[in-house]
Amino acid sequence: MNQKSCNWIVVGALSGAISVLLGAAGSHWLQAVIESDYAETYSTAVRFHMLHSLAIILGAIVLDRMALNFFLSVALWLLLFGLAIFCGSLYFLSMTQFSILGAIAPVGGIFLILGWLSFAFGVLRSNAKRAS
């Protein structure tokens, strides 16, 4: 496995570990901090965090298996930034009830969408190069 893919797998694994830690913290220790109105928001952040941590690991494996291409690399960065912005804003919103943070979440969501689209385009492009 190339070093770039290994690095991304480590990033995804560490992100997944943080997701589990934050999920456990939300279930056990942060109940006093998170108001019940924001518990679902926190839960959404944990779910998206874990899902996109796994997506980064999957993307790293695909990046290693296919010819390295720009779009797959960009997809991983977009997923990472999207995860940080989307989930981070929801975590902080849940804990602080500072409503402006809710307005930041859609920016992270856009990064996540672009990451998935870049991933799909990168796979299609890599597959087209193999066929020709």
C-alpha atoms as a PDB file:
ATOM      1  CA  MET A   1       0.000   0.000   0.000  1.00  0.00           C
ATOM      2  CA  ASN A   2       1.350   3.429  -0.880  1.00  0.00           C
ATOM      3  CA  GLN A   3       2.176   5.906   1.881  1.00  0.00           C
ATOM      4  CA  LYS A   4      -0.532   8.371   0.874  1.00  0.00           C
ATOM      5  CA  SER A   5      -3.237   5.726   1.291  1.00  0.00           C
ATOM      6  CA  CYS A   6      -1.742   4.573   4.599  1.00  0.00           C
ATOM      7  CA  ASN A   7      -1.823   8.140   5.889  1.00  0.00           C
ATOM      8  CA  TRP A   8      -5.477   8.520   4.926  1.00  0.00           C
ATOM      9  CA  ILE A   9      -6.383   5.229   6.621  1.00  0.00           C
ATOM     10  CA  VAL A  10      -4.728   6.494   9.806  1.00  0.00           C
ATOM     11  CA  VAL A  11      -6.674   9.773   9.525  1.00  0.00           C
ATOM     12  CA  GLY A  12      -9.939   7.869   9.046  1.00  0.00           C
ATOM     13  CA  ALA A  13      -9.198   5.479  11.909  1.00  0.00           C
ATOM     14  CA  LEU A  14      -8.290   8.301  14.300  1.00  0.00           C
ATOM     15  CA  SER A  15     -11.418  10.177  13.259  1.00  0.00           C
ATOM     16  CA  GLY A  16     -13.477   7.039  13.900  1.00  0.00           C
ATOM     17  CA  ALA A  17     -11.930   6.681  17.352  1.00  0.00           C
ATOM     18  CA  ILE A  18     -12.789  10.311  18.125  1.00  0.00           C
ATOM     19  CA  SER A  19     -16.342   9.642  16.929  1.00  0.00           C
ATOM     20  CA  VAL A  20     -16.714   6.726  19.348  1.00  0.00           C
ATOM     21  CA  LEU A  21     -15.222   8.817  22.156  1.00  0.00           C
ATOM     22  CA  LEU A  22     -17.597  11.726  21.479  1.00  0.00           C
ATOM     23  CA  GLY A  23     -20.542   9.339  21.169  1.00  0.00           C
ATOM     24  CA  ALA A  24     -19.725   7.770  24.531  1.00  0.00           C
ATOM     25  CA  ALA A  25     -19.167  11.183  26.089  1.00  0.00           C
ATOM     26  CA  GLY A  26     -22.540  12.335  24.799  1.00  0.00           C
ATOM     27  CA  SER A  27     -24.264   9.258  26.191  1.00  0.00           C
ATOM     28  CA  HIS A  28     -22.603   9.232  29.591  1.00  0.00           C
ATOM     29  CA  TRP A  29     -20.894  12.444  30.617  1.00  0.00           C
ATOM     30  CA  LEU A  30     -22.377  15.259  28.573  1.00  0.00           C
ATOM     31  CA  GLN A  31     -26.027  14.625  29.412  1.00  0.00           C
ATOM     32  CA  ALA A  32     -25.817  17.416  31.980  1.00  0.00           C
ATOM     33  CA  VAL A  33     -24.364  19.820  29.394  1.00  0.00           C
ATOM     34  CA  ILE A  34     -26.505  18.964  26.364  1.00  0.00           C
ATOM     35  CA  GLU A  35     -30.100  20.117  26.669  1.00  0.00           C
ATOM     36  CA  SER A  36     -32.681  17.577  25.530  1.00  0.00           C
ATOM     37  CA  ASP A  37     -33.615  19.795  22.560  1.00  0.00           C
ATOM     38  CA  TYR A  38     -30.065  19.421  21.240  1.00  0.00           C
ATOM     39  CA  ALA A  39     -29.533  15.715  21.987  1.00  0.00           C
ATOM     40  CA  GLU A  40     -30.716  14.699  18.502  1.00  0.00           C
ATOM     41  CA  THR A  41     -28.376  17.257  16.926  1.00  0.00           C
ATOM     42  CA  TYR A  42     -25.469  15.753  18.859  1.00  0.00           C
ATOM     43  CA  SER A  43     -26.540  12.247  17.824  1.00  0.00           C
ATOM     44  CA  THR A  44     -26.649  13.347  14.166  1.00  0.00           C
ATOM     45  CA  ALA A  45     -23.101  14.697  14.480  1.00  0.00           C
ATOM     46  CA  VAL A  46     -21.880  11.379  15.907  1.00  0.00           C
ATOM     47  CA  ARG A  47     -23.565   9.361  13.121  1.00  0.00           C
ATOM     48  CA  PHE A  48     -22.204  11.574  10.336  1.00  0.00           C
ATOM     49  CA  HIS A  49     -18.783  11.600  11.995  1.00  0.00           C
ATOM     50  CA  MET A  50     -18.548   7.790  12.050  1.00  0.00           C
ATOM     51  CA  LEU A  51     -20.001   7.369   8.559  1.00  0.00           C
ATOM     52  CA  HIS A  52     -17.556   9.807   7.004  1.00  0.00           C
ATOM     53  CA  SER A  53     -14.616   8.406   8.975  1.00  0.00           C
ATOM     54  CA  LEU A  54     -15.390   5.066   7.338  1.00  0.00           C
ATOM     55  CA  ALA A  55     -15.793   6.819   3.977  1.00  0.00           C
ATOM     56  CA  ILE A  56     -12.283   8.241   4.332  1.00  0.00           C
ATOM     57  CA  ILE A  57     -10.919   4.745   5.009  1.00  0.00           C
ATOM     58  CA  LEU A  58     -12.815   3.367   2.000  1.00  0.00           C
ATOM     59  CA  GLY A  59     -11.566   6.238  -0.142  1.00  0.00           C
ATOM     60  CA  ALA A  60      -7.987   5.516   0.916  1.00  0.00           C
ATOM     61  CA  ILE A  61      -8.349   1.864  -0.088  1.00  0.00           C
ATOM     62  CA  VAL A  62      -9.837   2.850  -3.454  1.00  0.00           C
ATOM     63  CA  LEU A  63      -7.053   5.412  -3.919  1.00  0.00           C
ATOM     64  CA  ASP A  64      -4.499   2.646  -3.387  1.00  0.00           C
ATOM     65  CA  ARG A  65      -6.215   0.161  -5.719  1.00  0.00           C
ATOM     66  CA  MET A  66      -6.806   2.538  -8.603  1.00  0.00           C
ATOM     67  CA  ALA A  67      -4.390   4.732 -10.440  1.00  0.00           C
ATOM     68  CA  LEU A  68      -3.719   7.754  -8.281  1.00  0.00           C
ATOM     69  CA  ASN A  69      -5.816  10.559  -9.549  1.00  0.00           C
ATOM     70  CA  PHE A  70      -6.544  14.112  -8.611  1.00  0.00           C
ATOM     71  CA  PHE A  71     -10.267  13.648  -8.002  1.00  0.00           C
ATOM     72  CA  LEU A  72      -9.864  10.810  -5.505  1.00  0.00           C
ATOM     73  CA  SER A  73      -7.322  12.843  -3.553  1.00  0.00           C
ATOM     74  CA  VAL A  74      -9.577  15.899  -3.613  1.00  0.00           C
ATOM     75  CA  ALA A  75     -12.508  13.738  -2.486  1.00  0.00           C
ATOM     76  CA  LEU A  76     -10.645  12.692   0.652  1.00  0.00           C
ATOM     77  CA  TRP A  77      -9.776  16.284   1.541  1.00  0.00           C
ATOM     78  CA  LEU A  78     -13.355  17.429   0.919  1.00  0.00           C
ATOM     79  CA  LEU A  79     -14.722  14.625   3.097  1.00  0.00           C
ATOM     80  CA  LEU A  80     -12.287  15.494   5.880  1.00  0.00           C
ATOM     81  CA  PHE A  81     -13.055  19.224   5.777  1.00  0.00           C
ATOM     82  CA  GLY A  82     -16.769  18.536   5.470  1.00  0.00           C
ATOM     83  CA  LEU A  83     -16.675  16.177   8.419  1.00  0.00           C
ATOM     84  CA  ALA A  84     -14.808  18.704  10.553  1.00  0.00           C
ATOM     85  CA  ILE A  85     -17.063  21.638   9.636  1.00  0.00           C
ATOM     86  CA  PHE A  86     -20.416  19.825   9.623  1.00  0.00           C
ATOM     87  CA  CYS A  87     -19.927  17.607  12.651  1.00  0.00           C
ATOM     88  CA  GLY A  88     -17.835  20.139  14.541  1.00  0.00           C
ATOM     89  CA  SER A  89     -20.482  22.829  14.207  1.00  0.00           C
ATOM     90  CA  LEU A  90     -23.203  20.404  15.354  1.00  0.00           C
ATOM     91  CA  TYR A  91     -21.127  19.253  18.342  1.00  0.00           C
ATOM     92  CA  PHE A  92     -20.518  22.833  19.440  1.00  0.00           C
ATOM     93  CA  LEU A  93     -24.114  23.866  18.750  1.00  0.00           C
ATOM     94  CA  SER A  94     -25.311  21.002  20.942  1.00  0.00           C
ATOM     95  CA  MET A  95     -23.029  21.935  23.807  1.00  0.00           C
ATOM     96  CA  THR A  96     -23.254  25.734  23.654  1.00  0.00           C
ATOM     97  CA  GLN A  97     -26.665  26.412  22.041  1.00  0.00           C
ATOM     98  CA  PHE A  98     -24.840  29.179  20.143  1.00  0.00           C
ATOM     99  CA  SER A  99     -27.203  29.287  17.166  1.00  0.00           C
ATOM    100  CA  ILE A 100     -24.796  30.840  14.640  1.00  0.00           C
ATOM    101  CA  LEU A 101     -23.001  27.480  14.608  1.00  0.00           C
ATOM    102  CA  GLY A 102     -26.091  25.925  13.064  1.00  0.00           C
ATOM    103  CA  ALA A 103     -25.612  28.227  10.082  1.00  0.00           C
ATOM    104  CA  ILE A 104     -22.105  26.850   9.528  1.00  0.00           C
ATOM    105  CA  ALA A 105     -23.265  23.220   9.255  1.00  0.00           C
ATOM    106  CA  PRO A 106     -24.587  23.582   5.670  1.00  0.00           C
ATOM    107  CA  VAL A 107     -21.115  24.670   4.528  1.00  0.00           C
ATOM    108  CA  GLY A 108     -19.768  21.391   5.882  1.00  0.00           C
ATOM    109  CA  GLY A 109     -22.640  19.567   4.209  1.00  0.00           C
ATOM    110  CA  ILE A 110     -21.703  21.107   0.871  1.00  0.00           C
ATOM    111  CA  PHE A 111     -18.117  19.916   1.342  1.00  0.00           C
ATOM    112  CA  LEU A 112     -19.426  16.406   2.088  1.00  0.00           C
ATOM    113  CA  ILE A 113     -21.610  16.399  -1.029  1.00  0.00           C
ATOM    114  CA  LEU A 114     -18.722  17.640  -3.168  1.00  0.00           C
ATOM    115  CA  GLY A 115     -16.495  14.981  -1.614  1.00  0.00           C
ATOM    116  CA  TRP A 116     -18.894  12.203  -2.572  1.00  0.00           C
ATOM    117  CA  LEU A 117     -19.291  13.609  -6.095  1.00  0.00           C
ATOM    118  CA  SER A 118     -15.528  13.943  -6.500  1.00  0.00           C
ATOM    119  CA  PHE A 119     -15.134  10.371  -5.268  1.00  0.00           C
ATOM    120  CA  ALA A 120     -17.628   9.097  -7.850  1.00  0.00           C
ATOM    121  CA  PHE A 121     -16.035  11.129 -10.650  1.00  0.00           C
ATOM    122  CA  GLY A 122     -12.550   9.969  -9.642  1.00  0.00           C
ATOM    123  CA  VAL A 123     -13.582   6.308  -9.738  1.00  0.00           C
ATOM    124  CA  LEU A 124     -15.296   6.755 -13.113  1.00  0.00           C
ATOM    125  CA  ARG A 125     -12.294   8.573 -14.512  1.00  0.00           C
ATOM    126  CA  SER A 126      -9.858   5.962 -13.224  1.00  0.00           C
ATOM    127  CA  ASN A 127     -12.009   3.178 -14.654  1.00  0.00           C
ATOM    128  CA  ALA A 128     -12.218   4.957 -18.030  1.00  0.00           C
ATOM    129  CA  LYS A 129      -8.416   5.198 -18.148  1.00  0.00           C
ATOM    130  CA  ARG A 130      -8.143   1.445 -17.532  1.00  0.00           C
ATOM    131  CA  ALA A 131     -10.604   0.669 -20.327  1.00  0.00           C
ATOM    132  CA  SER A 132      -8.724   2.711 -22.916  1.00  0.00           C
END
